[in-house]
Amino acid sequence: MSERLRRVGLRLLVAALVVAAGYYFILGGEYSALDLRALRAEEQVLTGRIDSLASVTDSLDRWADSLEWSAEAIERVARERYGFIRDGERLYRFVEVEAVRNDPVDR
């Protein structure tokens, strides 16, 4: 019976060590498996933001190049943003209805 108790005790010890190692792997240590999972998810989010910002940067670079080298692009910006017109043209500005309603001068 002593041999049998020794085997059962050894099996229980091995099982306890396996459970302890599994616990340490999942929840213990400086970086657990849960922390690693969260870091991977954060990495994916940040990689997506980097890709998005890279495409915005490329778009802005193309726009800057067109403003530097294209007279048509410069004219378009001057007309759309600043309301510039050529001689003989008329400029019509449309006011949004909400802007008129919120105008303090009308009250």
C-alpha atoms as a PDB file:
ATOM      1  CA  MET A   1       0.000   0.000   0.000  1.00  0.00           C
ATOM      2  CA  SER A   2       2.936   2.273   0.606  1.00  0.00           C
ATOM      3  CA  GLU A   3       4.019   1.994  -3.058  1.00  0.00           C
ATOM      4  CA  ARG A   4       0.499   2.820  -4.199  1.00  0.00           C
ATOM      5  CA  LEU A   5       0.335   5.922  -1.966  1.00  0.00           C
ATOM      6  CA  ARG A   6       3.697   7.021  -3.271  1.00  0.00           C
ATOM      7  CA  ARG A   7       2.457   6.763  -6.904  1.00  0.00           C
ATOM      8  CA  VAL A   8      -0.756   8.651  -6.119  1.00  0.00           C
ATOM      9  CA  GLY A   9       1.238  11.297  -4.275  1.00  0.00           C
ATOM     10  CA  LEU A  10       3.651  11.611  -7.206  1.00  0.00           C
ATOM     11  CA  ARG A  11       0.764  11.956  -9.658  1.00  0.00           C
ATOM     12  CA  LEU A  12      -0.866  14.590  -7.485  1.00  0.00           C
ATOM     13  CA  LEU A  13       2.440  16.452  -7.256  1.00  0.00           C
ATOM     14  CA  VAL A  14       2.901  16.375 -11.041  1.00  0.00           C
ATOM     15  CA  ALA A  15      -0.708  17.495 -11.559  1.00  0.00           C
ATOM     16  CA  ALA A  16      -0.227  20.338  -9.071  1.00  0.00           C
ATOM     17  CA  LEU A  17       2.971  21.415 -10.865  1.00  0.00           C
ATOM     18  CA  VAL A  18       1.189  21.376 -14.241  1.00  0.00           C
ATOM     19  CA  VAL A  19      -1.682  23.437 -12.832  1.00  0.00           C
ATOM     20  CA  ALA A  20       0.760  25.891 -11.219  1.00  0.00           C
ATOM     21  CA  ALA A  21       2.726  26.220 -14.467  1.00  0.00           C
ATOM     22  CA  GLY A  22      -0.492  26.805 -16.419  1.00  0.00           C
ATOM     23  CA  TYR A  23      -1.626  29.421 -13.937  1.00  0.00           C
ATOM     24  CA  TYR A  24       1.765  31.160 -14.116  1.00  0.00           C
ATOM     25  CA  PHE A  25       1.634  31.078 -17.925  1.00  0.00           C
ATOM     26  CA  ILE A  26      -1.866  32.534 -18.158  1.00  0.00           C
ATOM     27  CA  LEU A  27      -2.032  34.949 -15.226  1.00  0.00           C
ATOM     28  CA  GLY A  28       1.384  35.173 -13.651  1.00  0.00           C
ATOM     29  CA  GLY A  29       4.736  36.668 -14.454  1.00  0.00           C
ATOM     30  CA  GLU A  30       5.646  40.129 -15.633  1.00  0.00           C
ATOM     31  CA  TYR A  31       3.772  39.734 -18.924  1.00  0.00           C
ATOM     32  CA  SER A  32       0.993  37.175 -18.789  1.00  0.00           C
ATOM     33  CA  ALA A  33      -0.769  35.678 -21.780  1.00  0.00           C
ATOM     34  CA  LEU A  34      -3.638  38.110 -21.169  1.00  0.00           C
ATOM     35  CA  ASP A  35      -1.241  41.078 -21.288  1.00  0.00           C
ATOM     36  CA  LEU A  36       0.278  39.742 -24.476  1.00  0.00           C
ATOM     37  CA  ARG A  37      -3.173  39.411 -26.022  1.00  0.00           C
ATOM     38  CA  ALA A  38      -4.032  43.009 -25.088  1.00  0.00           C
ATOM     39  CA  LEU A  39      -0.726  44.235 -26.503  1.00  0.00           C
ATOM     40  CA  ARG A  40      -1.369  42.450 -29.798  1.00  0.00           C
ATOM     41  CA  ALA A  41      -4.812  44.060 -30.061  1.00  0.00           C
ATOM     42  CA  GLU A  42      -3.318  47.474 -29.330  1.00  0.00           C
ATOM     43  CA  GLU A  43      -0.627  46.846 -31.947  1.00  0.00           C
ATOM     44  CA  GLN A  44      -3.293  46.132 -34.560  1.00  0.00           C
ATOM     45  CA  VAL A  45      -5.145  49.338 -33.702  1.00  0.00           C
ATOM     46  CA  LEU A  46      -1.968  51.396 -33.866  1.00  0.00           C
ATOM     47  CA  THR A  47      -0.918  49.766 -37.134  1.00  0.00           C
ATOM     48  CA  GLY A  48      -4.287  50.699 -38.614  1.00  0.00           C
ATOM     49  CA  ARG A  49      -3.882  54.295 -37.450  1.00  0.00           C
ATOM     50  CA  ILE A  50      -0.372  54.425 -38.917  1.00  0.00           C
ATOM     51  CA  ASP A  51      -1.662  53.162 -42.265  1.00  0.00           C
ATOM     52  CA  SER A  52      -4.481  55.712 -42.215  1.00  0.00           C
ATOM     53  CA  LEU A  53      -2.123  58.556 -41.369  1.00  0.00           C
ATOM     54  CA  ALA A  54       0.288  57.422 -44.074  1.00  0.00           C
ATOM     55  CA  SER A  55      -2.472  57.665 -46.680  1.00  0.00           C
ATOM     56  CA  VAL A  56      -3.420  61.143 -45.397  1.00  0.00           C
ATOM     57  CA  THR A  57       0.222  62.189 -45.576  1.00  0.00           C
ATOM     58  CA  ASP A  58       0.501  60.908 -49.142  1.00  0.00           C
ATOM     59  CA  SER A  59      -2.630  62.825 -50.097  1.00  0.00           C
ATOM     60  CA  LEU A  60      -1.294  66.019 -48.539  1.00  0.00           C
ATOM     61  CA  ASP A  61       2.048  65.543 -50.297  1.00  0.00           C
ATOM     62  CA  ARG A  62       0.283  65.225 -53.649  1.00  0.00           C
ATOM     63  CA  TRP A  63      -1.774  68.335 -52.899  1.00  0.00           C
ATOM     64  CA  ALA A  64       1.357  70.296 -51.893  1.00  0.00           C
ATOM     65  CA  ASP A  65       3.084  69.210 -55.103  1.00  0.00           C
ATOM     66  CA  SER A  66       0.108  70.298 -57.181  1.00  0.00           C
ATOM     67  CA  LEU A  67       0.064  73.686 -55.455  1.00  0.00           C
ATOM     68  CA  GLU A  68       3.776  74.057 -56.056  1.00  0.00           C
ATOM     69  CA  TRP A  69       3.751  73.177 -59.739  1.00  0.00           C
ATOM     70  CA  SER A  70       0.197  73.695 -61.058  1.00  0.00           C
ATOM     71  CA  ALA A  71      -1.251  77.142 -61.740  1.00  0.00           C
ATOM     72  CA  GLU A  72      -4.715  75.590 -62.095  1.00  0.00           C
ATOM     73  CA  ALA A  73      -4.543  74.175 -58.572  1.00  0.00           C
ATOM     74  CA  ILE A  74      -3.493  77.534 -57.157  1.00  0.00           C
ATOM     75  CA  GLU A  75      -6.335  79.265 -59.008  1.00  0.00           C
ATOM     76  CA  ARG A  76      -8.853  76.702 -57.748  1.00  0.00           C
ATOM     77  CA  VAL A  77      -7.796  77.269 -54.132  1.00  0.00           C
ATOM     78  CA  ALA A  78      -7.905  81.044 -54.569  1.00  0.00           C
ATOM     79  CA  ARG A  79     -11.403  80.873 -56.027  1.00  0.00           C
ATOM     80  CA  GLU A  80     -12.878  78.318 -53.596  1.00  0.00           C
ATOM     81  CA  ARG A  81     -11.297  79.465 -50.358  1.00  0.00           C
ATOM     82  CA  TYR A  82     -10.794  83.161 -50.782  1.00  0.00           C
ATOM     83  CA  GLY A  83     -13.520  84.079 -53.274  1.00  0.00           C
ATOM     84  CA  PHE A  84     -11.144  85.477 -55.879  1.00  0.00           C
ATOM     85  CA  ILE A  85     -12.688  86.233 -59.256  1.00  0.00           C
ATOM     86  CA  ARG A  86     -11.374  87.279 -62.650  1.00  0.00           C
ATOM     87  CA  ASP A  87     -12.176  90.567 -64.299  1.00  0.00           C
ATOM     88  CA  GLY A  88     -15.704  90.537 -65.685  1.00  0.00           C
ATOM     89  CA  GLU A  89     -16.911  87.700 -63.426  1.00  0.00           C
ATOM     90  CA  ARG A  90     -19.501  87.996 -60.689  1.00  0.00           C
ATOM     91  CA  LEU A  91     -19.347  86.239 -57.374  1.00  0.00           C
ATOM     92  CA  TYR A  92     -22.511  84.959 -55.780  1.00  0.00           C
ATOM     93  CA  ARG A  93     -22.294  83.861 -52.173  1.00  0.00           C
ATOM     94  CA  PHE A  94     -25.016  81.713 -50.714  1.00  0.00           C
ATOM     95  CA  VAL A  95     -25.706  81.906 -47.002  1.00  0.00           C
ATOM     96  CA  GLU A  96     -26.913  78.865 -45.123  1.00  0.00           C
ATOM     97  CA  VAL A  97     -30.389  79.200 -43.580  1.00  0.00           C
ATOM     98  CA  GLU A  98     -29.065  78.192 -40.142  1.00  0.00           C
ATOM     99  CA  ALA A  99     -26.437  80.941 -40.307  1.00  0.00           C
ATOM    100  CA  VAL A 100     -29.144  83.540 -40.945  1.00  0.00           C
ATOM    101  CA  ARG A 101     -31.297  82.239 -38.079  1.00  0.00           C
ATOM    102  CA  ASN A 102     -28.386  82.377 -35.641  1.00  0.00           C
ATOM    103  CA  ASP A 103     -27.206  85.827 -36.723  1.00  0.00           C
ATOM    104  CA  PRO A 104     -27.393  88.190 -33.694  1.00  0.00           C
ATOM    105  CA  VAL A 105     -27.914  91.226 -35.974  1.00  0.00           C
ATOM    106  CA  ASP A 106     -31.411  90.068 -37.024  1.00  0.00           C
ATOM    107  CA  ARG A 107     -32.657  89.877 -33.443  1.00  0.00           C
END
